[in-house]
N, C-alpha and C. Protein backbone atom coordinates (compact mmCIF):
# COMPACT_ATOMS: atom_id res chain seq x y z
N UNK A 1 118.88 76.42 123.49
CA UNK A 1 118.76 77.79 123.06
C UNK A 1 119.10 78.72 124.22
N UNK A 2 119.87 79.73 123.94
CA UNK A 2 120.27 80.69 124.97
C UNK A 2 119.25 81.81 125.07
N UNK A 3 119.08 82.32 126.27
CA UNK A 3 118.18 83.46 126.48
C UNK A 3 118.99 84.74 126.45
N UNK A 4 118.45 85.75 125.78
CA UNK A 4 119.08 87.05 125.73
C UNK A 4 118.03 88.11 126.01
N UNK A 5 118.44 89.20 126.62
CA UNK A 5 117.52 90.29 126.90
C UNK A 5 117.60 91.28 125.75
N UNK A 6 116.43 91.61 125.16
CA UNK A 6 116.37 92.54 124.05
C UNK A 6 115.64 93.80 124.48
N UNK A 7 116.08 94.91 123.98
CA UNK A 7 115.42 96.18 124.22
C UNK A 7 114.94 96.71 122.88
N UNK A 8 113.63 96.91 122.76
CA UNK A 8 113.07 97.40 121.50
C UNK A 8 112.20 98.63 121.78
N UNK A 9 112.04 99.47 120.76
CA UNK A 9 111.19 100.63 120.88
C UNK A 9 109.76 100.22 120.59
N UNK A 10 108.83 100.81 121.34
CA UNK A 10 107.42 100.53 121.14
C UNK A 10 106.64 101.83 121.07
N UNK A 11 105.33 101.70 121.00
CA UNK A 11 104.44 102.85 120.90
C UNK A 11 103.44 102.82 122.05
N UNK A 12 102.94 104.00 122.45
CA UNK A 12 101.93 104.08 123.50
C UNK A 12 100.79 104.97 123.02
N UNK A 13 99.57 104.51 123.23
CA UNK A 13 98.38 105.27 122.87
C UNK A 13 98.17 106.36 123.91
N UNK A 14 97.98 107.61 123.46
CA UNK A 14 97.74 108.74 124.36
C UNK A 14 96.33 108.70 124.93
N UNK A 15 95.45 107.90 124.34
CA UNK A 15 94.06 107.83 124.78
C UNK A 15 93.83 106.74 125.82
N UNK A 16 94.29 105.52 125.54
CA UNK A 16 94.01 104.40 126.45
C UNK A 16 95.25 103.85 127.15
N UNK A 17 96.43 104.41 126.87
CA UNK A 17 97.72 104.02 127.46
C UNK A 17 98.18 102.61 127.09
N UNK A 18 97.61 102.05 126.03
CA UNK A 18 98.04 100.74 125.54
C UNK A 18 99.43 100.86 124.94
N UNK A 19 100.30 99.88 125.21
CA UNK A 19 101.66 99.88 124.66
C UNK A 19 101.84 98.66 123.77
N UNK A 20 102.51 98.86 122.63
CA UNK A 20 102.73 97.75 121.71
C UNK A 20 103.98 97.99 120.89
N UNK A 21 104.47 96.91 120.28
CA UNK A 21 105.62 96.96 119.37
C UNK A 21 105.05 96.86 117.96
N UNK A 22 105.29 97.86 117.12
CA UNK A 22 104.71 97.82 115.77
C UNK A 22 105.34 96.74 114.90
N UNK A 23 104.56 96.25 113.95
CA UNK A 23 105.08 95.23 113.02
C UNK A 23 106.14 95.83 112.12
N UNK A 24 105.87 97.02 111.60
CA UNK A 24 106.81 97.72 110.73
C UNK A 24 107.26 98.98 111.44
N UNK A 25 108.48 99.02 111.97
CA UNK A 25 108.92 100.18 112.74
C UNK A 25 109.07 101.46 111.93
N UNK A 26 109.14 101.37 110.61
CA UNK A 26 109.30 102.55 109.76
C UNK A 26 107.98 103.23 109.42
N UNK A 27 106.87 102.51 109.61
CA UNK A 27 105.56 103.04 109.24
C UNK A 27 104.72 103.30 110.50
N UNK A 28 104.14 104.51 110.59
CA UNK A 28 103.32 104.86 111.75
C UNK A 28 101.93 104.22 111.61
N UNK A 29 101.44 103.56 112.66
CA UNK A 29 100.12 102.93 112.56
C UNK A 29 99.00 103.96 112.40
N UNK A 30 97.92 103.57 111.75
CA UNK A 30 96.79 104.47 111.55
C UNK A 30 95.92 104.57 112.79
N UNK A 31 95.76 103.46 113.53
CA UNK A 31 94.91 103.45 114.72
C UNK A 31 95.58 102.65 115.83
N UNK A 32 95.12 102.86 117.05
CA UNK A 32 95.56 102.06 118.19
C UNK A 32 94.96 100.66 118.05
N UNK A 33 95.74 99.60 118.24
CA UNK A 33 95.18 98.25 118.09
C UNK A 33 94.17 97.87 119.18
N UNK A 34 94.18 98.58 120.30
CA UNK A 34 93.24 98.24 121.38
C UNK A 34 91.95 99.05 121.28
N UNK A 35 92.06 100.39 121.30
CA UNK A 35 90.85 101.23 121.33
C UNK A 35 90.42 101.69 119.94
N UNK A 36 91.24 101.42 118.92
CA UNK A 36 90.96 101.77 117.52
C UNK A 36 90.87 103.27 117.27
N UNK A 37 91.44 104.08 118.15
CA UNK A 37 91.40 105.53 117.98
C UNK A 37 92.42 105.97 116.94
N UNK A 38 91.99 106.79 115.96
CA UNK A 38 92.95 107.31 114.99
C UNK A 38 93.80 108.43 115.58
N UNK A 39 93.44 108.89 116.78
CA UNK A 39 94.17 109.97 117.46
C UNK A 39 95.08 109.42 118.55
N UNK A 40 95.59 108.21 118.38
CA UNK A 40 96.39 107.56 119.41
C UNK A 40 97.66 108.32 119.73
N UNK A 41 98.18 109.13 118.79
CA UNK A 41 99.45 109.84 119.00
C UNK A 41 99.25 111.30 119.36
N UNK A 42 98.01 111.71 119.65
CA UNK A 42 97.73 113.10 120.05
C UNK A 42 97.10 113.10 121.44
N UNK A 43 97.65 113.90 122.36
CA UNK A 43 97.05 113.95 123.70
C UNK A 43 95.69 114.64 123.66
N UNK A 44 94.85 114.31 124.64
CA UNK A 44 93.54 114.94 124.73
C UNK A 44 93.69 116.43 125.03
N UNK A 45 92.79 117.25 124.51
CA UNK A 45 92.84 118.68 124.78
C UNK A 45 92.31 118.99 126.17
N UNK A 46 91.29 118.24 126.62
CA UNK A 46 90.74 118.39 127.95
C UNK A 46 90.73 117.05 128.64
N UNK A 47 90.84 117.06 129.96
CA UNK A 47 90.82 115.81 130.72
C UNK A 47 89.43 115.18 130.65
N UNK A 48 89.40 113.84 130.73
CA UNK A 48 88.16 113.10 130.71
C UNK A 48 87.34 113.39 131.97
N UNK A 49 86.04 113.59 131.85
CA UNK A 49 85.21 113.88 133.02
C UNK A 49 84.75 112.62 133.71
């Protein structure tokens, strides 16, 4: 088997900085798979204390 380098688009959680490749690229996930935040695609309004 030959090795090839692939470049794919992924997603990053704005809350915990987790990065992943979605199963279905056409559908936006409801929550981050790591921290389970439903606000994974919205930045925080204030910095964490």
